[in-house]
Amino acid sequence: MANEHEKINYLELPANDLTAVKAFFETVFEWQFTDYGPEYTAFSNAGLEGGFYKGPLRSETQNGAALVVFYSKDLESTEAKITAAGGAIIKPIFGFPGGRRFHFADPCGNEYAVWSDLGLVAE
């Protein structure tokens, strides 16, 4: 993907355990990682490239952090993969105009969401 002028290009998140966060995202989302020393790892195959830096803080919406949102064609299957890999569901599946979603935390406590516009129940 080419770099685009004045477009979001990269995302960085904290992680207090780089080994655990890498194993989680490799297992659930098939991300690939490149380590740059003991305190930084870059990820690819995620839709947007980025990295995790070693740090004690977490990215949580209750603290005003931006929310990284994944898309899934099968919300329940993605939720099961997340819990099987050690992620925690912090907001169970709920409906909103246009779809359904849930929030989860990775092994380092960073919050994410997964949404889908598929599998909606007609009212």
PDB file of N, CA and C in Angstrom:
ATOM      1  N   MET A   1       0.847  -1.171   0.000  1.00  0.00           N
ATOM      2  CA  MET A   1       0.000   0.000   0.000  1.00  0.00           C
ATOM      3  C   MET A   1       0.897   1.239   0.000  1.00  0.00           C
ATOM      4  N   ALA A   2       0.585   2.141  -0.876  1.00  0.00           N
ATOM      5  CA  ALA A   2       1.368   3.365  -0.989  1.00  0.00           C
ATOM      6  C   ALA A   2       1.013   4.333   0.136  1.00  0.00           C
ATOM      7  N   ASN A   3       1.986   5.119   0.534  1.00  0.00           N
ATOM      8  CA  ASN A   3       1.724   6.173   1.505  1.00  0.00           C
ATOM      9  C   ASN A   3       0.894   7.250   0.830  1.00  0.00           C
ATOM     10  N   GLU A   4      -0.184   7.685   1.500  1.00  0.00           N
ATOM     11  CA  GLU A   4      -1.047   8.706   0.932  1.00  0.00           C
ATOM     12  C   GLU A   4      -0.937   9.979   1.748  1.00  0.00           C
ATOM     13  N   HIS A   5      -0.789  11.079   1.040  1.00  0.00           N
ATOM     14  CA  HIS A   5      -0.628  12.390   1.658  1.00  0.00           C
ATOM     15  C   HIS A   5      -1.803  12.703   2.588  1.00  0.00           C
ATOM     16  N   GLU A   6      -1.500  13.011   3.825  1.00  0.00           N
ATOM     17  CA  GLU A   6      -2.448  13.446   4.847  1.00  0.00           C
ATOM     18  C   GLU A   6      -3.550  12.439   5.153  1.00  0.00           C
ATOM     19  N   LYS A   7      -3.237  11.150   5.023  1.00  0.00           N
ATOM     20  CA  LYS A   7      -4.153  10.064   5.385  1.00  0.00           C
ATOM     21  C   LYS A   7      -3.552   9.312   6.564  1.00  0.00           C
ATOM     22  N   ILE A   8      -4.401   8.686   7.351  1.00  0.00           N
ATOM     23  CA  ILE A   8      -3.889   7.881   8.472  1.00  0.00           C
ATOM     24  C   ILE A   8      -2.986   6.803   7.906  1.00  0.00           C
ATOM     25  N   ASN A   9      -1.797   6.686   8.474  1.00  0.00           N
ATOM     26  CA  ASN A   9      -0.777   5.828   7.907  1.00  0.00           C
ATOM     27  C   ASN A   9      -0.328   4.714   8.831  1.00  0.00           C
ATOM     28  N   TYR A  10      -0.449   4.899  10.145  1.00  0.00           N
ATOM     29  CA  TYR A  10       0.152   3.960  11.078  1.00  0.00           C
ATOM     30  C   TYR A  10      -0.521   4.122  12.428  1.00  0.00           C
ATOM     31  N   LEU A  11      -0.558   3.067  13.201  1.00  0.00           N
ATOM     32  CA  LEU A  11      -1.210   3.070  14.506  1.00  0.00           C
ATOM     33  C   LEU A  11      -0.253   2.462  15.526  1.00  0.00           C
ATOM     34  N   GLU A  12      -0.084   3.098  16.678  1.00  0.00           N
ATOM     35  CA  GLU A  12       0.761   2.552  17.736  1.00  0.00           C
ATOM     36  C   GLU A  12      -0.040   2.427  19.024  1.00  0.00           C
ATOM     37  N   LEU A  13       0.135   1.286  19.698  1.00  0.00           N
ATOM     38  CA  LEU A  13      -0.590   0.982  20.929  1.00  0.00           C
ATOM     39  C   LEU A  13       0.381   0.526  22.009  1.00  0.00           C
ATOM     40  N   PRO A  14       0.032   0.755  23.274  1.00  0.00           N
ATOM     41  CA  PRO A  14       0.881   0.271  24.364  1.00  0.00           C
ATOM     42  C   PRO A  14       0.654  -1.213  24.613  1.00  0.00           C
ATOM     43  N   ALA A  15       1.650  -1.848  25.188  1.00  0.00           N
ATOM     44  CA  ALA A  15       1.529  -3.250  25.603  1.00  0.00           C
ATOM     45  C   ALA A  15       2.559  -3.507  26.700  1.00  0.00           C
ATOM     46  N   ASN A  16       2.096  -4.054  27.816  1.00  0.00           N
ATOM     47  CA  ASN A  16       3.043  -4.350  28.887  1.00  0.00           C
ATOM     48  C   ASN A  16       3.698  -5.719  28.701  1.00  0.00           C
ATOM     49  N   ASP A  17       3.213  -6.531  27.760  1.00  0.00           N
ATOM     50  CA  ASP A  17       3.765  -7.853  27.475  1.00  0.00           C
ATOM     51  C   ASP A  17       3.736  -8.076  25.970  1.00  0.00           C
ATOM     52  N   LEU A  18       4.833  -7.751  25.295  1.00  0.00           N
ATOM     53  CA  LEU A  18       4.873  -7.858  23.837  1.00  0.00           C
ATOM     54  C   LEU A  18       4.718  -9.296  23.359  1.00  0.00           C
ATOM     55  N   THR A  19       5.255 -10.254  24.089  1.00  0.00           N
ATOM     56  CA  THR A  19       5.127 -11.659  23.701  1.00  0.00           C
ATOM     57  C   THR A  19       3.664 -12.089  23.709  1.00  0.00           C
ATOM     58  N   ALA A  20       2.947 -11.747  24.755  1.00  0.00           N
ATOM     59  CA  ALA A  20       1.537 -12.136  24.868  1.00  0.00           C
ATOM     60  C   ALA A  20       0.674 -11.455  23.816  1.00  0.00           C
ATOM     61  N   VAL A  21       0.897 -10.168  23.581  1.00  0.00           N
ATOM     62  CA  VAL A  21       0.069  -9.450  22.610  1.00  0.00           C
ATOM     63  C   VAL A  21       0.343  -9.960  21.195  1.00  0.00           C
ATOM     64  N   LYS A  22       1.589 -10.292  20.892  1.00  0.00           N
ATOM     65  CA  LYS A  22       1.911 -10.852  19.573  1.00  0.00           C
ATOM     66  C   LYS A  22       1.239 -12.207  19.383  1.00  0.00           C
ATOM     67  N   ALA A  23       1.329 -13.077  20.368  1.00  0.00           N
ATOM     68  CA  ALA A  23       0.711 -14.410  20.265  1.00  0.00           C
ATOM     69  C   ALA A  23      -0.798 -14.295  20.074  1.00  0.00           C
ATOM     70  N   PHE A  24      -1.429 -13.375  20.785  1.00  0.00           N
ATOM     71  CA  PHE A  24      -2.875 -13.184  20.685  1.00  0.00           C
ATOM     72  C   PHE A  24      -3.270 -12.772  19.266  1.00  0.00           C
ATOM     73  N   PHE A  25      -2.647 -11.734  18.735  1.00  0.00           N
ATOM     74  CA  PHE A  25      -3.043 -11.233  17.416  1.00  0.00           C
ATOM     75  C   PHE A  25      -2.620 -12.158  16.277  1.00  0.00           C
ATOM     76  N   GLU A  26      -1.539 -12.902  16.454  1.00  0.00           N
ATOM     77  CA  GLU A  26      -1.174 -13.917  15.461  1.00  0.00           C
ATOM     78  C   GLU A  26      -2.238 -15.008  15.413  1.00  0.00           C
ATOM     79  N   THR A  27      -2.702 -15.451  16.573  1.00  0.00           N
ATOM     80  CA  THR A  27      -3.682 -16.533  16.661  1.00  0.00           C
ATOM     81  C   THR A  27      -5.056 -16.105  16.157  1.00  0.00           C
ATOM     82  N   VAL A  28      -5.549 -14.979  16.621  1.00  0.00           N
ATOM     83  CA  VAL A  28      -6.918 -14.571  16.305  1.00  0.00           C
ATOM     84  C   VAL A  28      -7.036 -13.951  14.918  1.00  0.00           C
ATOM     85  N   PHE A  29      -6.146 -13.037  14.566  1.00  0.00           N
ATOM     86  CA  PHE A  29      -6.309 -12.250  13.351  1.00  0.00           C
ATOM     87  C   PHE A  29      -5.228 -12.488  12.292  1.00  0.00           C
ATOM     88  N   GLU A  30      -4.299 -13.413  12.550  1.00  0.00           N
ATOM     89  CA  GLU A  30      -3.228 -13.761  11.607  1.00  0.00           C
ATOM     90  C   GLU A  30      -2.319 -12.584  11.265  1.00  0.00           C
ATOM     91  N   TRP A  31      -2.107 -11.700  12.261  1.00  0.00           N
ATOM     92  CA  TRP A  31      -1.184 -10.601  12.056  1.00  0.00           C
ATOM     93  C   TRP A  31       0.238 -11.147  11.988  1.00  0.00           C
ATOM     94  N   GLN A  32       1.109 -10.399  11.347  1.00  0.00           N
ATOM     95  CA  GLN A  32       2.527 -10.732  11.284  1.00  0.00           C
ATOM     96  C   GLN A  32       3.296  -9.633  12.010  1.00  0.00           C
ATOM     97  N   PHE A  33       4.419 -10.012  12.631  1.00  0.00           N
ATOM     98  CA  PHE A  33       5.171  -9.062  13.451  1.00  0.00           C
ATOM     99  C   PHE A  33       6.635  -9.017  13.059  1.00  0.00           C
ATOM    100  N   THR A  34       7.220  -7.834  13.209  1.00  0.00           N
ATOM    101  CA  THR A  34       8.655  -7.622  13.055  1.00  0.00           C
ATOM    102  C   THR A  34       9.123  -6.881  14.298  1.00  0.00           C
ATOM    103  N   ASP A  35      10.045  -7.488  15.035  1.00  0.00           N
ATOM    104  CA  ASP A  35      10.565  -6.858  16.248  1.00  0.00           C
ATOM    105  C   ASP A  35      11.655  -5.856  15.906  1.00  0.00           C
ATOM    106  N   TYR A  36      11.613  -4.727  16.610  1.00  0.00           N
ATOM    107  CA  TYR A  36      12.642  -3.704  16.508  1.00  0.00           C
ATOM    108  C   TYR A  36      13.168  -3.455  17.906  1.00  0.00           C
ATOM    109  N   GLY A  37      14.004  -4.352  18.375  1.00  0.00           N
ATOM    110  CA  GLY A  37      14.526  -4.280  19.724  1.00  0.00           C
ATOM    111  C   GLY A  37      13.544  -4.877  20.719  1.00  0.00           C
ATOM    112  N   PRO A  38      13.894  -4.853  22.003  1.00  0.00           N
ATOM    113  CA  PRO A  38      13.069  -5.501  23.023  1.00  0.00           C
ATOM    114  C   PRO A  38      11.823  -4.714  23.440  1.00  0.00           C
ATOM    115  N   GLU A  39      11.672  -3.479  22.967  1.00  0.00           N
ATOM    116  CA  GLU A  39      10.558  -2.654  23.433  1.00  0.00           C
ATOM    117  C   GLU A  39       9.616  -2.194  22.333  1.00  0.00           C
ATOM    118  N   TYR A  40       9.740  -2.783  21.124  1.00  0.00           N
ATOM    119  CA  TYR A  40       8.840  -2.390  20.036  1.00  0.00           C
ATOM    120  C   TYR A  40       8.678  -3.535  19.046  1.00  0.00           C
ATOM    121  N   THR A  41       7.441  -3.747  18.615  1.00  0.00           N
ATOM    122  CA  THR A  41       7.170  -4.708  17.553  1.00  0.00           C
ATOM    123  C   THR A  41       6.159  -4.095  16.596  1.00  0.00           C
ATOM    124  N   ALA A  42       6.424  -4.204  15.312  1.00  0.00           N
ATOM    125  CA  ALA A  42       5.532  -3.670  14.286  1.00  0.00           C
ATOM    126  C   ALA A  42       4.624  -4.784  13.792  1.00  0.00           C
ATOM    127  N   PHE A  43       3.376  -4.446  13.457  1.00  0.00           N
ATOM    128  CA  PHE A  43       2.473  -5.455  12.909  1.00  0.00           C
ATOM    129  C   PHE A  43       2.076  -5.112  11.479  1.00  0.00           C
ATOM    130  N   SER A  44       1.765  -6.165  10.737  1.00  0.00           N
ATOM    131  CA  SER A  44       1.260  -6.030   9.373  1.00  0.00           C
ATOM    132  C   SER A  44       0.176  -7.080   9.178  1.00  0.00           C
ATOM    133  N   ASN A  45      -0.470  -7.056   8.022  1.00  0.00           N
ATOM    134  CA  ASN A  45      -1.591  -7.950   7.709  1.00  0.00           C
ATOM    135  C   ASN A  45      -2.784  -7.660   8.620  1.00  0.00           C
ATOM    136  N   ALA A  46      -2.963  -6.386   8.965  1.00  0.00           N
ATOM    137  CA  ALA A  46      -4.022  -5.989   9.887  1.00  0.00           C
ATOM    138  C   ALA A  46      -5.026  -5.024   9.251  1.00  0.00           C
ATOM    139  N   GLY A  47      -4.844  -4.681   7.993  1.00  0.00           N
ATOM    140  CA  GLY A  47      -5.684  -3.680   7.354  1.00  0.00           C
ATOM    141  C   GLY A  47      -5.045  -2.306   7.396  1.00  0.00           C
ATOM    142  N   LEU A  48      -4.325  -2.018   8.451  1.00  0.00           N
ATOM    143  CA  LEU A  48      -3.547  -0.800   8.642  1.00  0.00           C
ATOM    144  C   LEU A  48      -2.313  -1.225   9.420  1.00  0.00           C
ATOM    145  N   GLU A  49      -1.151  -0.806   8.986  1.00  0.00           N
ATOM    146  CA  GLU A  49       0.058  -1.196   9.696  1.00  0.00           C
ATOM    147  C   GLU A  49       0.227  -0.375  10.964  1.00  0.00           C
ATOM    148  N   GLY A  50       0.969  -0.950  11.904  1.00  0.00           N
ATOM    149  CA  GLY A  50       1.194  -0.263  13.161  1.00  0.00           C
ATOM    150  C   GLY A  50       2.171  -1.026  14.020  1.00  0.00           C
ATOM    151  N   GLY A  51       2.122  -0.752  15.323  1.00  0.00           N
ATOM    152  CA  GLY A  51       3.037  -1.416  16.224  1.00  0.00           C
ATOM    153  C   GLY A  51       2.582  -1.311  17.663  1.00  0.00           C
ATOM    154  N   PHE A  52       3.248  -2.105  18.487  1.00  0.00           N
ATOM    155  CA  PHE A  52       3.055  -2.062  19.931  1.00  0.00           C
ATOM    156  C   PHE A  52       4.379  -1.643  20.560  1.00  0.00           C
ATOM    157  N   TYR A  53       4.307  -0.686  21.473  1.00  0.00           N
ATOM    158  CA  TYR A  53       5.484  -0.269  22.219  1.00  0.00           C
ATOM    159  C   TYR A  53       5.322  -0.737  23.657  1.00  0.00           C
ATOM    160  N   LYS A  54       6.422  -1.108  24.283  1.00  0.00           N
ATOM    161  CA  LYS A  54       6.386  -1.586  25.660  1.00  0.00           C
ATOM    162  C   LYS A  54       6.066  -0.407  26.570  1.00  0.00           C
ATOM    163  N   GLY A  55       4.990  -0.565  27.332  1.00  0.00           N
ATOM    164  CA  GLY A  55       4.575   0.494  28.232  1.00  0.00           C
ATOM    165  C   GLY A  55       3.528  -0.015  29.200  1.00  0.00           C
ATOM    166  N   PRO A  56       3.366   0.637  30.336  1.00  0.00           N
ATOM    167  CA  PRO A  56       2.464   0.154  31.378  1.00  0.00           C
ATOM    168  C   PRO A  56       0.996   0.550  31.189  1.00  0.00           C
ATOM    169  N   LEU A  57       0.701   1.458  30.282  1.00  0.00           N
ATOM    170  CA  LEU A  57      -0.667   1.951  30.135  1.00  0.00           C
ATOM    171  C   LEU A  57      -1.485   1.078  29.195  1.00  0.00           C
ATOM    172  N   ARG A  58      -2.822   1.314  29.214  1.00  0.00           N
ATOM    173  CA  ARG A  58      -3.738   0.598  28.330  1.00  0.00           C
ATOM    174  C   ARG A  58      -4.557   1.613  27.546  1.00  0.00           C
ATOM    175  N   SER A  59      -4.988   1.195  26.372  1.00  0.00           N
ATOM    176  CA  SER A  59      -5.866   2.019  25.553  1.00  0.00           C
ATOM    177  C   SER A  59      -7.304   1.605  25.830  1.00  0.00           C
ATOM    178  N   GLU A  60      -8.045   2.462  26.571  1.00  0.00           N
ATOM    179  CA  GLU A  60      -9.418   2.156  26.962  1.00  0.00           C
ATOM    180  C   GLU A  60     -10.310   3.357  26.677  1.00  0.00           C
ATOM    181  N   THR A  61     -11.508   3.102  26.160  1.00  0.00           N
ATOM    182  CA  THR A  61     -12.418   4.205  25.842  1.00  0.00           C
ATOM    183  C   THR A  61     -12.847   4.965  27.087  1.00  0.00           C
ATOM    184  N   GLN A  62     -12.934   4.302  28.229  1.00  0.00           N
ATOM    185  CA  GLN A  62     -13.336   5.002  29.453  1.00  0.00           C
ATOM    186  C   GLN A  62     -12.324   6.068  29.851  1.00  0.00           C
ATOM    187  N   ASN A  63     -11.105   5.964  29.316  1.00  0.00           N
ATOM    188  CA  ASN A  63     -10.077   6.965  29.580  1.00  0.00           C
ATOM    189  C   ASN A  63      -9.895   7.919  28.408  1.00  0.00           C
ATOM    190  N   GLY A  64     -10.806   7.847  27.439  1.00  0.00           N
ATOM    191  CA  GLY A  64     -10.755   8.761  26.312  1.00  0.00           C
ATOM    192  C   GLY A  64      -9.944   8.294  25.119  1.00  0.00           C
ATOM    193  N   ALA A  65      -9.522   7.045  25.112  1.00  0.00           N
ATOM    194  CA  ALA A  65      -8.719   6.535  23.996  1.00  0.00           C
ATOM    195  C   ALA A  65      -9.582   6.328  22.764  1.00  0.00           C
ATOM    196  N   ALA A  66      -8.950   6.400  21.612  1.00  0.00           N
ATOM    197  CA  ALA A  66      -9.626   6.059  20.363  1.00  0.00           C
ATOM    198  C   ALA A  66      -9.925   4.560  20.378  1.00  0.00           C
ATOM    199  N   LEU A  67     -10.987   4.163  19.702  1.00  0.00           N
ATOM    200  CA  LEU A  67     -11.378   2.763  19.650  1.00  0.00           C
ATOM    201  C   LEU A  67     -11.033   2.186  18.289  1.00  0.00           C
ATOM    202  N   VAL A  68     -10.209   1.145  18.273  1.00  0.00           N
ATOM    203  CA  VAL A  68      -9.888   0.417  17.051  1.00  0.00           C
ATOM    204  C   VAL A  68     -11.015  -0.595  16.839  1.00  0.00           C
ATOM    205  N   VAL A  69     -11.635  -0.567  15.650  1.00  0.00           N
ATOM    206  CA  VAL A  69     -12.796  -1.406  15.375  1.00  0.00           C
ATOM    207  C   VAL A  69     -12.494  -2.330  14.200  1.00  0.00           C
ATOM    208  N   PHE A  70     -12.671  -3.622  14.430  1.00  0.00           N
ATOM    209  CA  PHE A  70     -12.509  -4.643  13.399  1.00  0.00           C
ATOM    210  C   PHE A  70     -13.865  -4.934  12.766  1.00  0.00           C
ATOM    211  N   TYR A  71     -13.860  -5.458  11.546  1.00  0.00           N
ATOM    212  CA  TYR A  71     -15.080  -5.930  10.894  1.00  0.00           C
ATOM    213  C   TYR A  71     -15.034  -7.454  10.842  1.00  0.00           C
ATOM    214  N   SER A  72     -16.180  -8.093  11.009  1.00  0.00           N
ATOM    215  CA  SER A  72     -16.277  -9.549  10.929  1.00  0.00           C
ATOM    216  C   SER A  72     -17.498  -9.958  10.116  1.00  0.00           C
ATOM    217  N   LYS A  73     -17.339 -10.991   9.311  1.00  0.00           N
ATOM    218  CA  LYS A  73     -18.473 -11.577   8.588  1.00  0.00           C
ATOM    219  C   LYS A  73     -19.239 -12.551   9.479  1.00  0.00           C
ATOM    220  N   ASP A  74     -18.632 -12.956  10.606  1.00  0.00           N
ATOM    221  CA  ASP A  74     -19.249 -13.911  11.533  1.00  0.00           C
ATOM    222  C   ASP A  74     -18.883 -13.495  12.953  1.00  0.00           C
ATOM    223  N   LEU A  75     -19.700 -12.639  13.534  1.00  0.00           N
ATOM    224  CA  LEU A  75     -19.412 -12.031  14.826  1.00  0.00           C
ATOM    225  C   LEU A  75     -19.193 -13.068  15.930  1.00  0.00           C
ATOM    226  N   GLU A  76     -20.066 -14.069  15.997  1.00  0.00           N
ATOM    227  CA  GLU A  76     -19.960 -15.077  17.052  1.00  0.00           C
ATOM    228  C   GLU A  76     -18.674 -15.903  16.913  1.00  0.00           C
ATOM    229  N   SER A  77     -18.287 -16.221  15.694  1.00  0.00           N
ATOM    230  CA  SER A  77     -17.048 -16.973  15.474  1.00  0.00           C
ATOM    231  C   SER A  77     -15.828 -16.156  15.901  1.00  0.00           C
ATOM    232  N   THR A  78     -15.817 -14.883  15.558  1.00  0.00           N
ATOM    233  CA  THR A  78     -14.701 -14.021  15.955  1.00  0.00           C
ATOM    234  C   THR A  78     -14.651 -13.882  17.466  1.00  0.00           C
ATOM    235  N   GLU A  79     -15.798 -13.742  18.092  1.00  0.00           N
ATOM    236  CA  GLU A  79     -15.855 -13.653  19.551  1.00  0.00           C
ATOM    237  C   GLU A  79     -15.283 -14.924  20.189  1.00  0.00           C
ATOM    238  N   ALA A  80     -15.626 -16.081  19.654  1.00  0.00           N
ATOM    239  CA  ALA A  80     -15.120 -17.356  20.192  1.00  0.00           C
ATOM    240  C   ALA A  80     -13.605 -17.457  20.026  1.00  0.00           C
ATOM    241  N   LYS A  81     -13.070 -17.024  18.884  1.00  0.00           N
ATOM    242  CA  LYS A  81     -11.620 -17.045  18.668  1.00  0.00           C
ATOM    243  C   LYS A  81     -10.905 -16.150  19.671  1.00  0.00           C
ATOM    244  N   ILE A  82     -11.489 -14.997  19.945  1.00  0.00           N
ATOM    245  CA  ILE A  82     -10.884 -14.046  20.886  1.00  0.00           C
ATOM    246  C   ILE A  82     -10.815 -14.648  22.284  1.00  0.00           C
ATOM    247  N   THR A  83     -11.910 -15.219  22.755  1.00  0.00           N
ATOM    248  CA  THR A  83     -11.900 -15.789  24.109  1.00  0.00           C
ATOM    249  C   THR A  83     -10.995 -17.015  24.179  1.00  0.00           C
ATOM    250  N   ALA A  84     -10.968 -17.833  23.134  1.00  0.00           N
ATOM    251  CA  ALA A  84     -10.099 -19.021  23.125  1.00  0.00           C
ATOM    252  C   ALA A  84      -8.623 -18.639  23.171  1.00  0.00           C
ATOM    253  N   ALA A  85      -8.274 -17.471  22.628  1.00  0.00           N
ATOM    254  CA  ALA A  85      -6.884 -17.019  22.601  1.00  0.00           C
ATOM    255  C   ALA A  85      -6.493 -16.200  23.827  1.00  0.00           C
ATOM    256  N   GLY A  86      -7.408 -16.051  24.788  1.00  0.00           N
ATOM    257  CA  GLY A  86      -7.072 -15.341  26.019  1.00  0.00           C
ATOM    258  C   GLY A  86      -7.555 -13.908  26.085  1.00  0.00           C
ATOM    259  N   GLY A  87      -8.338 -13.465  25.105  1.00  0.00           N
ATOM    260  CA  GLY A  87      -8.924 -12.130  25.164  1.00  0.00           C
ATOM    261  C   GLY A  87     -10.126 -12.134  26.093  1.00  0.00           C
ATOM    262  N   ALA A  88     -10.517 -10.975  26.568  1.00  0.00           N
ATOM    263  CA  ALA A  88     -11.663 -10.854  27.469  1.00  0.00           C
ATOM    264  C   ALA A  88     -12.765 -10.043  26.798  1.00  0.00           C
ATOM    265  N   ILE A  89     -13.981 -10.541  26.828  1.00  0.00           N
ATOM    266  CA  ILE A  89     -15.119  -9.793  26.308  1.00  0.00           C
ATOM    267  C   ILE A  89     -15.520  -8.789  27.392  1.00  0.00           C
ATOM    268  N   ILE A  90     -15.477  -7.511  27.061  1.00  0.00           N
ATOM    269  CA  ILE A  90     -15.798  -6.493  28.062  1.00  0.00           C
ATOM    270  C   ILE A  90     -17.159  -5.847  27.824  1.00  0.00           C
ATOM    271  N   LYS A  91     -17.717  -5.996  26.621  1.00  0.00           N
ATOM    272  CA  LYS A  91     -19.101  -5.618  26.318  1.00  0.00           C
ATOM    273  C   LYS A  91     -19.630  -6.693  25.389  1.00  0.00           C
ATOM    274  N   PRO A  92     -20.574  -7.511  25.842  1.00  0.00           N
ATOM    275  CA  PRO A  92     -21.108  -8.567  24.983  1.00  0.00           C
ATOM    276  C   PRO A  92     -21.798  -7.992  23.742  1.00  0.00           C
ATOM    277  N   ILE A  93     -22.075  -8.863  22.790  1.00  0.00           N
ATOM    278  CA  ILE A  93     -22.706  -8.448  21.535  1.00  0.00           C
ATOM    279  C   ILE A  93     -23.978  -7.642  21.810  1.00  0.00           C
ATOM    280  N   PHE A  94     -24.060  -6.493  21.156  1.00  0.00           N
ATOM    281  CA  PHE A  94     -25.248  -5.651  21.255  1.00  0.00           C
ATOM    282  C   PHE A  94     -25.545  -5.058  19.888  1.00  0.00           C
ATOM    283  N   GLY A  95     -26.813  -4.707  19.676  1.00  0.00           N
ATOM    284  CA  GLY A  95     -27.226  -4.109  18.428  1.00  0.00           C
ATOM    285  C   GLY A  95     -27.084  -2.601  18.458  1.00  0.00           C
ATOM    286  N   PHE A  96     -26.874  -2.025  17.290  1.00  0.00           N
ATOM    287  CA  PHE A  96     -26.869  -0.581  17.118  1.00  0.00           C
ATOM    288  C   PHE A  96     -27.376  -0.322  15.703  1.00  0.00           C
ATOM    289  N   PRO A  97     -27.800   0.897  15.388  1.00  0.00           N
ATOM    290  CA  PRO A  97     -28.312   1.147  14.038  1.00  0.00           C
ATOM    291  C   PRO A  97     -27.276   0.758  12.977  1.00  0.00           C
ATOM    292  N   GLY A  98     -27.621  -0.224  12.173  1.00  0.00           N
ATOM    293  CA  GLY A  98     -26.721  -0.665  11.103  1.00  0.00           C
ATOM    294  C   GLY A  98     -25.945  -1.924  11.384  1.00  0.00           C
ATOM    295  N   GLY A  99     -26.038  -2.473  12.594  1.00  0.00           N
ATOM    296  CA  GLY A  99     -25.272  -3.685  12.852  1.00  0.00           C
ATOM    297  C   GLY A  99     -25.294  -4.145  14.286  1.00  0.00           C
ATOM    298  N   ARG A 100     -24.334  -4.994  14.593  1.00  0.00           N
ATOM    299  CA  ARG A 100     -24.119  -5.504  15.950  1.00  0.00           C
ATOM    300  C   ARG A 100     -22.625  -5.454  16.214  1.00  0.00           C
ATOM    301  N   ARG A 101     -22.256  -5.389  17.493  1.00  0.00           N
ATOM    302  CA  ARG A 101     -20.835  -5.399  17.828  1.00  0.00           C
ATOM    303  C   ARG A 101     -20.621  -5.831  19.264  1.00  0.00           C
ATOM    304  N   PHE A 102     -19.351  -6.081  19.582  1.00  0.00           N
ATOM    305  CA  PHE A 102     -18.929  -6.336  20.957  1.00  0.00           C
ATOM    306  C   PHE A 102     -17.566  -5.695  21.152  1.00  0.00           C
ATOM    307  N   HIS A 103     -17.195  -5.507  22.420  1.00  0.00           N
ATOM    308  CA  HIS A 103     -15.882  -4.961  22.761  1.00  0.00           C
ATOM    309  C   HIS A 103     -15.083  -6.037  23.476  1.00  0.00           C
ATOM    310  N   PHE A 104     -13.780  -6.033  23.242  1.00  0.00           N
ATOM    311  CA  PHE A 104     -12.910  -6.995  23.917  1.00  0.00           C
ATOM    312  C   PHE A 104     -11.609  -6.318  24.313  1.00  0.00           C
ATOM    313  N   ALA A 105     -10.895  -6.987  25.209  1.00  0.00           N
ATOM    314  CA  ALA A 105      -9.567  -6.531  25.619  1.00  0.00           C
ATOM    315  C   ALA A 105      -8.550  -7.585  25.234  1.00  0.00           C
ATOM    316  N   ASP A 106      -7.405  -7.134  24.734  1.00  0.00           N
ATOM    317  CA  ASP A 106      -6.309  -8.065  24.448  1.00  0.00           C
ATOM    318  C   ASP A 106      -5.642  -8.451  25.773  1.00  0.00           C
ATOM    319  N   PRO A 107      -4.670  -9.338  25.769  1.00  0.00           N
ATOM    320  CA  PRO A 107      -4.043  -9.760  27.031  1.00  0.00           C
ATOM    321  C   PRO A 107      -3.370  -8.635  27.819  1.00  0.00           C
ATOM    322  N   CYS A 108      -3.113  -7.496  27.175  1.00  0.00           N
ATOM    323  CA  CYS A 108      -2.518  -6.349  27.868  1.00  0.00           C
ATOM    324  C   CYS A 108      -3.557  -5.338  28.327  1.00  0.00           C
ATOM    325  N   GLY A 109      -4.845  -5.604  28.061  1.00  0.00           N
ATOM    326  CA  GLY A 109      -5.914  -4.740  28.531  1.00  0.00           C
ATOM    327  C   GLY A 109      -6.361  -3.661  27.564  1.00  0.00           C
ATOM    328  N   ASN A 110      -5.786  -3.606  26.359  1.00  0.00           N
ATOM    329  CA  ASN A 110      -6.238  -2.628  25.367  1.00  0.00           C
ATOM    330  C   ASN A 110      -7.625  -3.007  24.873  1.00  0.00           C
ATOM    331  N   GLU A 111      -8.491  -2.014  24.729  1.00  0.00           N
ATOM    332  CA  GLU A 111      -9.869  -2.237  24.297  1.00  0.00           C
ATOM    333  C   GLU A 111     -10.015  -2.077  22.789  1.00  0.00           C
ATOM    334  N   TYR A 112     -10.791  -2.981  22.186  1.00  0.00           N
ATOM    335  CA  TYR A 112     -11.109  -2.965  20.761  1.00  0.00           C
ATOM    336  C   TYR A 112     -12.584  -3.312  20.617  1.00  0.00           C
ATOM    337  N   ALA A 113     -13.119  -3.130  19.414  1.00  0.00           N
ATOM    338  CA  ALA A 113     -14.478  -3.567  19.115  1.00  0.00           C
ATOM    339  C   ALA A 113     -14.450  -4.370  17.819  1.00  0.00           C
ATOM    340  N   VAL A 114     -15.443  -5.228  17.668  1.00  0.00           N
ATOM    341  CA  VAL A 114     -15.654  -5.959  16.416  1.00  0.00           C
ATOM    342  C   VAL A 114     -17.109  -5.749  16.045  1.00  0.00           C
ATOM    343  N   TRP A 115     -17.368  -5.392  14.799  1.00  0.00           N
ATOM    344  CA  TRP A 115     -18.743  -5.157  14.370  1.00  0.00           C
ATOM    345  C   TRP A 115     -19.042  -5.956  13.114  1.00  0.00           C
ATOM    346  N   SER A 116     -20.340  -6.116  12.848  1.00  0.00           N
ATOM    347  CA  SER A 116     -20.796  -6.770  11.640  1.00  0.00           C
ATOM    348  C   SER A 116     -22.146  -6.210  11.243  1.00  0.00           C
ATOM    349  N   ASP A 117     -22.361  -6.151   9.933  1.00  0.00           N
ATOM    350  CA  ASP A 117     -23.667  -5.788   9.414  1.00  0.00           C
ATOM    351  C   ASP A 117     -24.396  -7.040   8.929  1.00  0.00           C
ATOM    352  N   LEU A 118     -23.809  -8.204   9.156  1.00  0.00           N
ATOM    353  CA  LEU A 118     -24.397  -9.484   8.765  1.00  0.00           C
ATOM    354  C   LEU A 118     -25.026 -10.158   9.964  1.00  0.00           C
ATOM    355  N   GLY A 119     -26.008 -11.011   9.725  1.00  0.00           N
ATOM    356  CA  GLY A 119     -26.649 -11.754  10.814  1.00  0.00           C
ATOM    357  C   GLY A 119     -27.636 -10.944  11.619  1.00  0.00           C
ATOM    358  N   LEU A 120     -28.107  -9.842  11.059  1.00  0.00           N
ATOM    359  CA  LEU A 120     -29.088  -9.023  11.772  1.00  0.00           C
ATOM    360  C   LEU A 120     -30.438  -9.711  11.774  1.00  0.00           C
ATOM    361  N   VAL A 121     -31.126  -9.595  12.862  1.00  0.00           N
ATOM    362  CA  VAL A 121     -32.462 -10.164  12.991  1.00  0.00           C
ATOM    363  C   VAL A 121     -33.474  -9.099  12.580  1.00  0.00           C
ATOM    364  N   ALA A 122     -34.356  -9.448  11.634  1.00  0.00           N
ATOM    365  CA  ALA A 122     -35.370  -8.483  11.190  1.00  0.00           C
ATOM    366  C   ALA A 122     -36.370  -8.238  12.323  1.00  0.00           C
ATOM    367  N   GLU A 123     -36.760  -6.989  12.492  1.00  0.00           N
ATOM    368  CA  GLU A 123     -37.714  -6.649  13.547  1.00  0.00           C
ATOM    369  C   GLU A 123     -39.106  -6.640  13.011  1.00  0.00           C
TER     370      GLU A 123
END
